[in-house]
């Protein structure tokens, strides 16, 4: 419609000054526009093969996998298998969860531009925002609990060693 307006404007302004009809004017405008539209379409398929909703759902799946880690830590701590728990591992999982959540938030910001065809549209994905946030907060709270528990255990061991070394010293 925009090209038709431009071409009709050119014909109405330049047409009366021409002694006969020349069809080369619209061709010189339409060919570059068609080429650029074709290149844009090809680039969107080659360089951006996923829609924003697919990117969001992939990041969400990654976040759900990371959210299983605190539960595994809880199971291992209940089975008295504390050798698996390490403070650096807990902090790494926490950082990965926050990164995955931030990437999801970025995808949500671009959802109005999405032209996704399928079962999940922008409104469905936006409705998942609050449950995802609550789930992530619960998982991070569980991770924080395990972190505090590990720090407390290390302090207890340290104080036990200090007390036993002081008990061995005779005054």
N, C-alpha and C. Protein backbone atom coordinates (compact mmCIF):
# COMPACT_ATOMS: atom_id res chain seq x y z
N UNK A 1 0.83 -1.18 0.00
CA UNK A 1 0.00 0.00 0.00
C UNK A 1 0.88 1.25 0.00
N UNK A 2 1.96 1.23 0.75
CA UNK A 2 2.86 2.38 0.78
C UNK A 2 3.51 2.58 -0.59
N UNK A 3 3.94 1.45 -1.21
CA UNK A 3 4.56 1.57 -2.53
C UNK A 3 3.55 2.06 -3.56
N UNK A 4 2.32 1.61 -3.46
CA UNK A 4 1.29 2.08 -4.39
C UNK A 4 1.06 3.57 -4.23
N UNK A 5 1.09 4.06 -3.01
CA UNK A 5 0.92 5.49 -2.76
C UNK A 5 2.09 6.28 -3.34
N UNK A 6 3.29 5.78 -3.16
CA UNK A 6 4.47 6.48 -3.69
C UNK A 6 4.44 6.50 -5.21
N UNK A 7 4.14 5.37 -5.82
CA UNK A 7 4.14 5.30 -7.28
C UNK A 7 3.02 6.14 -7.87
N UNK A 8 1.82 6.08 -7.26
CA UNK A 8 0.72 6.91 -7.78
C UNK A 8 1.05 8.40 -7.60
N UNK A 9 1.71 8.75 -6.51
CA UNK A 9 2.12 10.14 -6.30
C UNK A 9 3.11 10.58 -7.38
N UNK A 10 4.06 9.71 -7.69
CA UNK A 10 5.02 10.05 -8.75
C UNK A 10 4.34 10.17 -10.11
N UNK A 11 3.42 9.26 -10.41
CA UNK A 11 2.72 9.34 -11.69
C UNK A 11 1.83 10.58 -11.77
N UNK A 12 1.21 10.95 -10.66
CA UNK A 12 0.34 12.13 -10.69
C UNK A 12 1.14 13.43 -10.80
N UNK A 13 2.35 13.43 -10.20
CA UNK A 13 3.15 14.66 -10.28
C UNK A 13 3.99 14.72 -11.55
N UNK A 14 4.51 13.55 -11.99
CA UNK A 14 5.36 13.56 -13.19
C UNK A 14 4.62 13.15 -14.46
N UNK A 15 3.50 12.49 -14.30
CA UNK A 15 2.75 12.00 -15.45
C UNK A 15 2.34 13.07 -16.45
N UNK A 16 1.78 14.18 -16.02
CA UNK A 16 1.35 15.19 -17.00
C UNK A 16 2.51 15.80 -17.80
N UNK A 17 3.71 15.75 -17.26
CA UNK A 17 4.83 16.33 -18.01
C UNK A 17 5.41 15.37 -19.03
N UNK A 18 5.01 14.09 -19.00
CA UNK A 18 5.50 13.10 -19.95
C UNK A 18 4.57 13.03 -21.16
N UNK A 19 5.14 12.97 -22.36
CA UNK A 19 4.28 12.90 -23.56
C UNK A 19 3.60 11.55 -23.73
N UNK A 20 4.20 10.47 -23.20
CA UNK A 20 3.59 9.14 -23.29
C UNK A 20 3.92 8.37 -22.01
N UNK A 21 3.31 7.19 -21.86
CA UNK A 21 3.48 6.39 -20.65
C UNK A 21 4.81 5.66 -20.69
N UNK A 22 5.58 5.78 -19.58
CA UNK A 22 6.82 5.03 -19.41
C UNK A 22 6.67 4.19 -18.15
N UNK A 23 6.75 2.89 -18.27
CA UNK A 23 6.57 1.98 -17.13
C UNK A 23 7.86 1.69 -16.38
N UNK A 24 8.91 2.42 -16.67
CA UNK A 24 10.18 2.15 -16.00
C UNK A 24 10.26 2.75 -14.61
N UNK A 25 9.45 3.76 -14.34
CA UNK A 25 9.50 4.39 -13.03
C UNK A 25 9.08 3.44 -11.91
N UNK A 26 7.96 2.71 -12.00
CA UNK A 26 7.62 1.79 -10.92
C UNK A 26 8.59 0.61 -10.81
N UNK A 27 9.16 0.20 -11.94
CA UNK A 27 10.10 -0.92 -11.90
C UNK A 27 11.34 -0.54 -11.08
N UNK A 28 11.80 0.67 -11.26
CA UNK A 28 13.00 1.09 -10.52
C UNK A 28 12.72 1.23 -9.01
N UNK A 29 11.48 1.34 -8.62
CA UNK A 29 11.15 1.39 -7.20
C UNK A 29 10.78 0.01 -6.63
N UNK A 30 10.12 -0.81 -7.43
CA UNK A 30 9.61 -2.09 -6.92
C UNK A 30 10.71 -3.14 -6.85
N UNK A 31 11.62 -3.19 -7.81
CA UNK A 31 12.68 -4.21 -7.79
C UNK A 31 13.54 -4.14 -6.54
N UNK A 32 14.08 -2.97 -6.16
CA UNK A 32 14.88 -2.96 -4.93
C UNK A 32 14.06 -3.29 -3.67
N UNK A 33 12.80 -2.87 -3.67
CA UNK A 33 11.96 -3.18 -2.51
C UNK A 33 11.70 -4.68 -2.42
N UNK A 34 11.46 -5.33 -3.55
CA UNK A 34 11.23 -6.78 -3.55
C UNK A 34 12.50 -7.53 -3.15
N UNK A 35 13.64 -7.07 -3.62
CA UNK A 35 14.90 -7.71 -3.26
C UNK A 35 15.17 -7.57 -1.77
N UNK A 36 14.95 -6.38 -1.24
CA UNK A 36 15.20 -6.18 0.20
C UNK A 36 14.21 -6.98 1.05
N UNK A 37 12.97 -7.09 0.62
CA UNK A 37 12.00 -7.89 1.36
C UNK A 37 12.38 -9.37 1.32
N UNK A 38 12.85 -9.85 0.18
CA UNK A 38 13.30 -11.24 0.07
C UNK A 38 14.53 -11.51 0.92
N UNK A 39 15.49 -10.59 0.91
CA UNK A 39 16.68 -10.76 1.75
C UNK A 39 16.32 -10.72 3.23
N UNK A 40 15.40 -9.85 3.60
CA UNK A 40 14.96 -9.78 5.00
C UNK A 40 14.27 -11.07 5.43
N UNK A 41 13.45 -11.63 4.56
CA UNK A 41 12.77 -12.88 4.87
C UNK A 41 13.77 -14.02 5.00
N UNK A 42 14.72 -14.10 4.08
CA UNK A 42 15.74 -15.16 4.13
C UNK A 42 16.62 -15.00 5.38
N UNK A 43 16.97 -13.76 5.72
CA UNK A 43 17.80 -13.53 6.91
C UNK A 43 17.04 -13.91 8.18
N UNK A 44 15.75 -13.65 8.21
CA UNK A 44 14.98 -14.00 9.41
C UNK A 44 14.88 -15.50 9.58
N UNK A 45 14.87 -16.24 8.49
CA UNK A 45 14.82 -17.71 8.60
C UNK A 45 16.20 -18.27 8.95
N UNK A 46 17.24 -17.72 8.32
CA UNK A 46 18.59 -18.26 8.54
C UNK A 46 19.16 -17.84 9.89
N UNK A 47 19.07 -16.55 10.22
CA UNK A 47 19.72 -16.03 11.42
C UNK A 47 18.84 -16.08 12.67
N UNK A 48 17.53 -16.04 12.50
CA UNK A 48 16.60 -16.06 13.64
C UNK A 48 15.57 -17.16 13.41
N UNK A 49 15.96 -18.43 13.54
CA UNK A 49 15.02 -19.51 13.22
C UNK A 49 13.94 -19.74 14.26
N UNK A 50 14.10 -19.18 15.46
CA UNK A 50 13.11 -19.39 16.50
C UNK A 50 12.35 -18.10 16.78
N UNK A 51 11.11 -18.26 17.13
CA UNK A 51 10.33 -17.10 17.54
C UNK A 51 10.66 -16.79 19.00
N UNK A 52 10.19 -15.67 19.47
CA UNK A 52 10.45 -15.26 20.85
C UNK A 52 9.80 -16.22 21.83
N UNK A 53 8.62 -16.71 21.49
CA UNK A 53 7.95 -17.65 22.40
C UNK A 53 8.72 -18.96 22.50
N UNK A 54 9.32 -19.42 21.39
CA UNK A 54 10.13 -20.63 21.47
C UNK A 54 11.40 -20.39 22.30
N UNK A 55 11.98 -19.22 22.17
CA UNK A 55 13.15 -18.87 22.98
C UNK A 55 12.78 -18.86 24.45
N UNK A 56 11.64 -18.28 24.77
CA UNK A 56 11.16 -18.24 26.15
C UNK A 56 10.95 -19.65 26.69
N UNK A 57 10.28 -20.50 25.91
CA UNK A 57 9.98 -21.84 26.39
C UNK A 57 11.26 -22.67 26.56
N UNK A 58 12.26 -22.46 25.71
CA UNK A 58 13.54 -23.15 25.87
C UNK A 58 14.24 -22.69 27.16
N UNK A 59 14.21 -21.38 27.42
CA UNK A 59 14.82 -20.87 28.66
C UNK A 59 14.04 -21.36 29.87
N UNK A 60 12.73 -21.48 29.75
CA UNK A 60 11.90 -21.99 30.84
C UNK A 60 12.23 -23.45 31.14
N UNK A 61 12.44 -24.24 30.10
CA UNK A 61 12.81 -25.64 30.30
C UNK A 61 14.16 -25.74 31.01
N UNK A 62 15.10 -24.87 30.63
CA UNK A 62 16.39 -24.84 31.31
C UNK A 62 16.26 -24.45 32.77
N UNK A 63 15.38 -23.49 33.04
CA UNK A 63 15.17 -23.07 34.43
C UNK A 63 14.53 -24.18 35.25
N UNK A 64 13.63 -24.94 34.65
CA UNK A 64 13.02 -26.06 35.38
C UNK A 64 14.05 -27.14 35.69
N UNK A 65 14.98 -27.37 34.77
CA UNK A 65 16.05 -28.34 35.05
C UNK A 65 16.91 -27.85 36.20
N UNK A 66 17.20 -26.56 36.22
CA UNK A 66 18.01 -26.02 37.32
C UNK A 66 17.24 -26.02 38.63
N UNK A 67 15.92 -25.89 38.56
CA UNK A 67 15.11 -25.88 39.78
C UNK A 67 15.06 -27.27 40.43
N UNK A 68 15.40 -28.31 39.69
CA UNK A 68 15.45 -29.65 40.27
C UNK A 68 16.67 -29.83 41.17
N UNK A 69 17.71 -29.04 40.95
CA UNK A 69 18.94 -29.20 41.72
C UNK A 69 18.74 -29.01 43.22
N UNK A 70 18.04 -27.95 43.67
CA UNK A 70 17.83 -27.83 45.12
C UNK A 70 17.09 -29.03 45.72
N UNK A 71 16.18 -29.61 44.97
CA UNK A 71 15.48 -30.79 45.46
C UNK A 71 16.42 -31.98 45.58
N UNK A 72 17.33 -32.12 44.61
CA UNK A 72 18.32 -33.19 44.70
C UNK A 72 19.25 -32.97 45.89
N UNK A 73 19.61 -31.71 46.13
CA UNK A 73 20.44 -31.40 47.30
C UNK A 73 19.71 -31.76 48.59
N UNK A 74 18.42 -31.49 48.63
CA UNK A 74 17.64 -31.81 49.82
C UNK A 74 17.58 -33.31 50.04
N UNK A 75 17.36 -34.06 48.99
CA UNK A 75 17.30 -35.52 49.11
C UNK A 75 18.64 -36.07 49.59
N UNK A 76 19.73 -35.54 49.02
CA UNK A 76 21.05 -36.04 49.44
C UNK A 76 21.36 -35.65 50.89
N UNK A 77 20.88 -34.48 51.32
CA UNK A 77 21.14 -34.10 52.72
C UNK A 77 20.29 -34.92 53.68
N UNK A 78 19.11 -35.34 53.26
CA UNK A 78 18.27 -36.18 54.12
C UNK A 78 18.81 -37.61 54.21
N UNK A 79 19.53 -38.03 53.18
CA UNK A 79 20.13 -39.36 53.19
C UNK A 79 21.50 -39.34 53.85
N UNK A 80 21.86 -38.21 54.46
CA UNK A 80 23.15 -38.04 55.13
C UNK A 80 24.32 -38.23 54.19
N UNK A 81 24.12 -37.85 52.95
CA UNK A 81 25.19 -37.92 51.95
C UNK A 81 25.69 -36.50 51.72
N UNK A 82 26.30 -35.91 52.73
CA UNK A 82 26.68 -34.50 52.67
C UNK A 82 27.94 -34.27 51.86
N UNK A 83 28.62 -35.34 51.41
CA UNK A 83 29.82 -35.12 50.61
C UNK A 83 29.49 -34.53 49.24
N UNK A 84 28.25 -34.72 48.79
CA UNK A 84 27.84 -34.18 47.49
C UNK A 84 27.61 -32.67 47.56
N UNK A 85 27.27 -32.16 48.72
CA UNK A 85 26.97 -30.75 48.86
C UNK A 85 28.26 -29.94 49.00
N UNK A 86 28.34 -28.90 48.22
CA UNK A 86 29.47 -28.00 48.28
C UNK A 86 28.94 -26.59 48.09
N UNK A 87 29.50 -25.67 48.82
CA UNK A 87 29.00 -24.29 48.79
C UNK A 87 29.20 -23.66 47.41
N UNK A 88 30.31 -23.96 46.76
CA UNK A 88 30.55 -23.38 45.44
C UNK A 88 29.58 -23.93 44.41
N UNK A 89 29.21 -25.20 44.54
CA UNK A 89 28.23 -25.78 43.62
C UNK A 89 26.88 -25.10 43.81
N UNK A 90 26.51 -24.85 45.07
CA UNK A 90 25.24 -24.18 45.34
C UNK A 90 25.24 -22.77 44.75
N UNK A 91 26.35 -22.06 44.90
CA UNK A 91 26.42 -20.71 44.35
C UNK A 91 26.41 -20.72 42.83
N UNK A 92 27.02 -21.73 42.22
CA UNK A 92 27.00 -21.85 40.76
C UNK A 92 25.58 -22.08 40.25
N UNK A 93 24.86 -22.99 40.92
CA UNK A 93 23.47 -23.27 40.52
C UNK A 93 22.62 -22.01 40.69
N UNK A 94 22.85 -21.27 41.77
CA UNK A 94 22.10 -20.04 42.00
C UNK A 94 22.37 -19.03 40.89
N UNK A 95 23.62 -18.87 40.50
CA UNK A 95 23.97 -17.93 39.43
C UNK A 95 23.36 -18.37 38.09
N UNK A 96 23.37 -19.67 37.82
CA UNK A 96 22.78 -20.17 36.57
C UNK A 96 21.26 -19.94 36.56
N UNK A 97 20.61 -20.12 37.70
CA UNK A 97 19.17 -19.90 37.77
C UNK A 97 18.83 -18.43 37.53
N UNK A 98 19.59 -17.54 38.12
CA UNK A 98 19.33 -16.11 37.94
C UNK A 98 19.57 -15.71 36.49
N UNK A 99 20.62 -16.26 35.87
CA UNK A 99 20.91 -15.97 34.46
C UNK A 99 19.79 -16.48 33.56
N UNK A 100 19.32 -17.69 33.81
CA UNK A 100 18.22 -18.25 33.00
C UNK A 100 16.96 -17.42 33.16
N UNK A 101 16.69 -16.97 34.38
CA UNK A 101 15.50 -16.15 34.60
C UNK A 101 15.61 -14.80 33.89
N UNK A 102 16.79 -14.20 33.92
CA UNK A 102 16.98 -12.93 33.22
C UNK A 102 16.82 -13.08 31.72
N UNK A 103 17.29 -14.19 31.16
CA UNK A 103 17.11 -14.40 29.72
C UNK A 103 15.64 -14.59 29.39
N UNK A 104 14.88 -15.21 30.30
CA UNK A 104 13.43 -15.33 30.08
C UNK A 104 12.77 -13.96 30.13
N UNK A 105 13.19 -13.12 31.05
CA UNK A 105 12.62 -11.79 31.15
C UNK A 105 12.89 -10.97 29.89
N UNK A 106 14.08 -11.15 29.31
CA UNK A 106 14.39 -10.45 28.06
C UNK A 106 13.48 -10.94 26.94
N UNK A 107 13.22 -12.23 26.90
CA UNK A 107 12.33 -12.77 25.88
C UNK A 107 10.91 -12.24 26.06
N UNK A 108 10.48 -12.08 27.31
CA UNK A 108 9.14 -11.55 27.57
C UNK A 108 9.02 -10.11 27.07
N UNK A 109 10.11 -9.35 27.16
CA UNK A 109 10.07 -7.97 26.70
C UNK A 109 9.82 -7.88 25.20
N UNK A 110 10.26 -8.89 24.44
CA UNK A 110 10.08 -8.88 22.99
C UNK A 110 8.85 -9.64 22.51
N UNK A 111 8.04 -10.14 23.42
CA UNK A 111 6.86 -10.91 23.03
C UNK A 111 5.85 -10.13 22.19
N UNK A 112 5.64 -8.83 22.40
CA UNK A 112 4.69 -8.13 21.53
C UNK A 112 5.10 -8.12 20.06
N UNK A 113 6.37 -8.33 19.77
CA UNK A 113 6.84 -8.37 18.39
C UNK A 113 6.76 -9.76 17.78
N UNK A 114 6.39 -10.73 18.57
CA UNK A 114 6.39 -12.12 18.14
C UNK A 114 5.19 -12.43 17.27
N UNK A 115 5.43 -13.18 16.22
CA UNK A 115 4.33 -13.64 15.37
C UNK A 115 4.33 -15.16 15.39
N UNK A 116 4.17 -15.72 16.58
CA UNK A 116 4.23 -17.16 16.76
C UNK A 116 2.93 -17.81 16.30
N UNK A 117 3.10 -18.89 15.57
CA UNK A 117 1.95 -19.66 15.11
C UNK A 117 2.01 -21.00 15.83
N UNK A 118 0.99 -21.30 16.57
CA UNK A 118 0.99 -22.56 17.31
C UNK A 118 0.13 -22.44 18.54
N UNK A 119 0.39 -23.28 19.50
CA UNK A 119 -0.44 -23.34 20.69
C UNK A 119 -0.12 -22.25 21.70
N UNK A 120 1.12 -21.79 21.74
CA UNK A 120 1.53 -20.80 22.72
C UNK A 120 1.61 -19.43 22.07
N UNK A 121 0.82 -18.50 22.55
CA UNK A 121 0.93 -17.13 22.06
C UNK A 121 1.46 -16.24 23.19
N UNK A 122 1.57 -14.96 22.93
CA UNK A 122 2.18 -14.04 23.89
C UNK A 122 1.39 -13.97 25.20
N UNK A 123 0.07 -14.01 25.13
CA UNK A 123 -0.74 -13.93 26.35
C UNK A 123 -0.57 -15.17 27.23
N UNK A 124 -0.46 -16.34 26.59
CA UNK A 124 -0.25 -17.57 27.37
C UNK A 124 1.09 -17.51 28.10
N UNK A 125 2.09 -17.03 27.42
CA UNK A 125 3.42 -16.97 28.02
C UNK A 125 3.46 -15.93 29.13
N UNK A 126 2.82 -14.80 28.92
CA UNK A 126 2.80 -13.77 29.97
C UNK A 126 2.05 -14.26 31.20
N UNK A 127 1.08 -15.15 31.02
CA UNK A 127 0.36 -15.68 32.17
C UNK A 127 1.23 -16.62 33.02
N UNK A 128 2.32 -17.13 32.44
CA UNK A 128 3.23 -18.00 33.18
C UNK A 128 4.25 -17.22 34.01
N UNK A 129 4.30 -15.93 33.83
CA UNK A 129 5.34 -15.12 34.47
C UNK A 129 5.33 -15.22 36.00
N UNK A 130 4.19 -15.04 36.62
CA UNK A 130 4.12 -15.08 38.09
C UNK A 130 4.37 -16.48 38.65
N UNK A 131 3.79 -17.55 38.10
CA UNK A 131 4.13 -18.88 38.64
C UNK A 131 5.62 -19.22 38.49
N UNK A 132 6.22 -18.78 37.40
CA UNK A 132 7.65 -19.04 37.22
C UNK A 132 8.45 -18.28 38.26
N UNK A 133 8.09 -17.04 38.50
CA UNK A 133 8.79 -16.23 39.50
C UNK A 133 8.66 -16.87 40.89
N UNK A 134 7.47 -17.32 41.24
CA UNK A 134 7.27 -17.96 42.55
C UNK A 134 8.06 -19.26 42.67
N UNK A 135 8.09 -20.03 41.61
CA UNK A 135 8.86 -21.27 41.61
C UNK A 135 10.35 -21.00 41.76
N UNK A 136 10.83 -19.98 41.05
CA UNK A 136 12.24 -19.64 41.15
C UNK A 136 12.60 -19.14 42.55
N UNK A 137 11.74 -18.33 43.13
CA UNK A 137 11.99 -17.82 44.48
C UNK A 137 12.02 -18.98 45.49
N UNK A 138 11.13 -19.96 45.31
CA UNK A 138 11.13 -21.12 46.20
C UNK A 138 12.41 -21.93 46.06
N UNK A 139 12.85 -22.13 44.82
CA UNK A 139 14.08 -22.88 44.60
C UNK A 139 15.29 -22.13 45.14
N UNK A 140 15.32 -20.83 44.93
CA UNK A 140 16.44 -20.04 45.46
C UNK A 140 16.43 -20.02 46.99
N UNK A 141 15.26 -20.01 47.58
CA UNK A 141 15.17 -20.06 49.04
C UNK A 141 15.70 -21.40 49.57
N UNK A 142 15.37 -22.48 48.87
CA UNK A 142 15.89 -23.78 49.27
C UNK A 142 17.40 -23.85 49.11
N UNK A 143 17.91 -23.26 48.03
CA UNK A 143 19.37 -23.18 47.86
C UNK A 143 20.01 -22.38 48.98
N UNK A 144 19.37 -21.28 49.34
CA UNK A 144 19.91 -20.44 50.42
C UNK A 144 19.90 -21.20 51.75
N UNK A 145 18.86 -21.98 51.98
CA UNK A 145 18.79 -22.80 53.19
C UNK A 145 19.98 -23.76 53.23
N UNK A 146 20.25 -24.44 52.10
CA UNK A 146 21.36 -25.37 52.06
C UNK A 146 22.70 -24.65 52.24
N UNK A 147 22.82 -23.46 51.68
CA UNK A 147 24.06 -22.69 51.85
C UNK A 147 24.28 -22.34 53.32
N UNK A 148 23.24 -21.86 53.97
CA UNK A 148 23.35 -21.50 55.39
C UNK A 148 23.64 -22.74 56.21
N UNK A 149 23.03 -23.86 55.88
CA UNK A 149 23.25 -25.11 56.60
C UNK A 149 24.71 -25.55 56.46
N UNK A 150 25.27 -25.47 55.24
CA UNK A 150 26.67 -25.84 55.04
C UNK A 150 27.62 -24.93 55.81
N UNK A 151 27.34 -23.62 55.78
CA UNK A 151 28.18 -22.68 56.53
C UNK A 151 28.10 -22.98 58.02
N UNK A 152 26.92 -23.27 58.52
CA UNK A 152 26.74 -23.62 59.93
C UNK A 152 27.48 -24.89 60.29
N UNK A 153 27.45 -25.89 59.40
CA UNK A 153 28.19 -27.13 59.66
C UNK A 153 29.69 -26.88 59.72
N UNK A 154 30.20 -26.05 58.82
CA UNK A 154 31.63 -25.74 58.83
C UNK A 154 32.02 -25.01 60.12
N UNK A 155 31.17 -24.10 60.57
CA UNK A 155 31.45 -23.39 61.82
C UNK A 155 31.42 -24.35 63.01
N UNK A 156 30.46 -25.28 63.01
CA UNK A 156 30.38 -26.26 64.10
C UNK A 156 31.64 -27.13 64.14
N UNK A 157 32.08 -27.58 62.97
CA UNK A 157 33.30 -28.40 62.93
C UNK A 157 34.51 -27.61 63.42
N UNK A 158 34.58 -26.35 62.99
CA UNK A 158 35.70 -25.50 63.40
C UNK A 158 35.68 -25.27 64.91
N UNK A 159 34.51 -24.98 65.45
CA UNK A 159 34.43 -24.73 66.89
C UNK A 159 34.68 -26.02 67.68
N UNK A 160 34.25 -27.17 67.14
CA UNK A 160 34.50 -28.44 67.80
C UNK A 160 36.00 -28.73 67.84
N UNK A 161 36.69 -28.45 66.72
CA UNK A 161 38.14 -28.66 66.70
C UNK A 161 38.84 -27.71 67.67
N UNK A 162 38.37 -26.45 67.72
CA UNK A 162 38.99 -25.50 68.64
C UNK A 162 38.75 -25.91 70.09
N UNK A 163 37.54 -26.36 70.39
CA UNK A 163 37.22 -26.79 71.76
C UNK A 163 38.01 -28.03 72.14
N UNK A 164 38.17 -28.96 71.20
CA UNK A 164 38.93 -30.17 71.53
C UNK A 164 40.41 -29.86 71.69
N UNK A 165 40.92 -28.91 70.93
CA UNK A 165 42.34 -28.54 71.08
C UNK A 165 42.54 -27.79 72.39
N UNK A 166 41.57 -26.97 72.82
CA UNK A 166 41.68 -26.27 74.09
C UNK A 166 41.50 -27.25 75.27
N UNK A 167 40.70 -28.27 75.08
CA UNK A 167 40.50 -29.25 76.15
C UNK A 167 41.76 -30.08 76.38
N UNK A 168 42.54 -30.29 75.36
CA UNK A 168 43.77 -31.08 75.48
C UNK A 168 44.88 -30.28 76.17
N UNK A 169 44.77 -28.97 76.19
CA UNK A 169 45.78 -28.14 76.84
C UNK A 169 45.51 -28.12 78.34
N UNK A 170 46.48 -28.47 79.15
CA UNK A 170 46.29 -28.46 80.59
C UNK A 170 46.88 -27.16 81.16
N UNK A 171 46.18 -26.61 82.10
CA UNK A 171 46.60 -25.35 82.70
C UNK A 171 47.35 -25.59 83.96
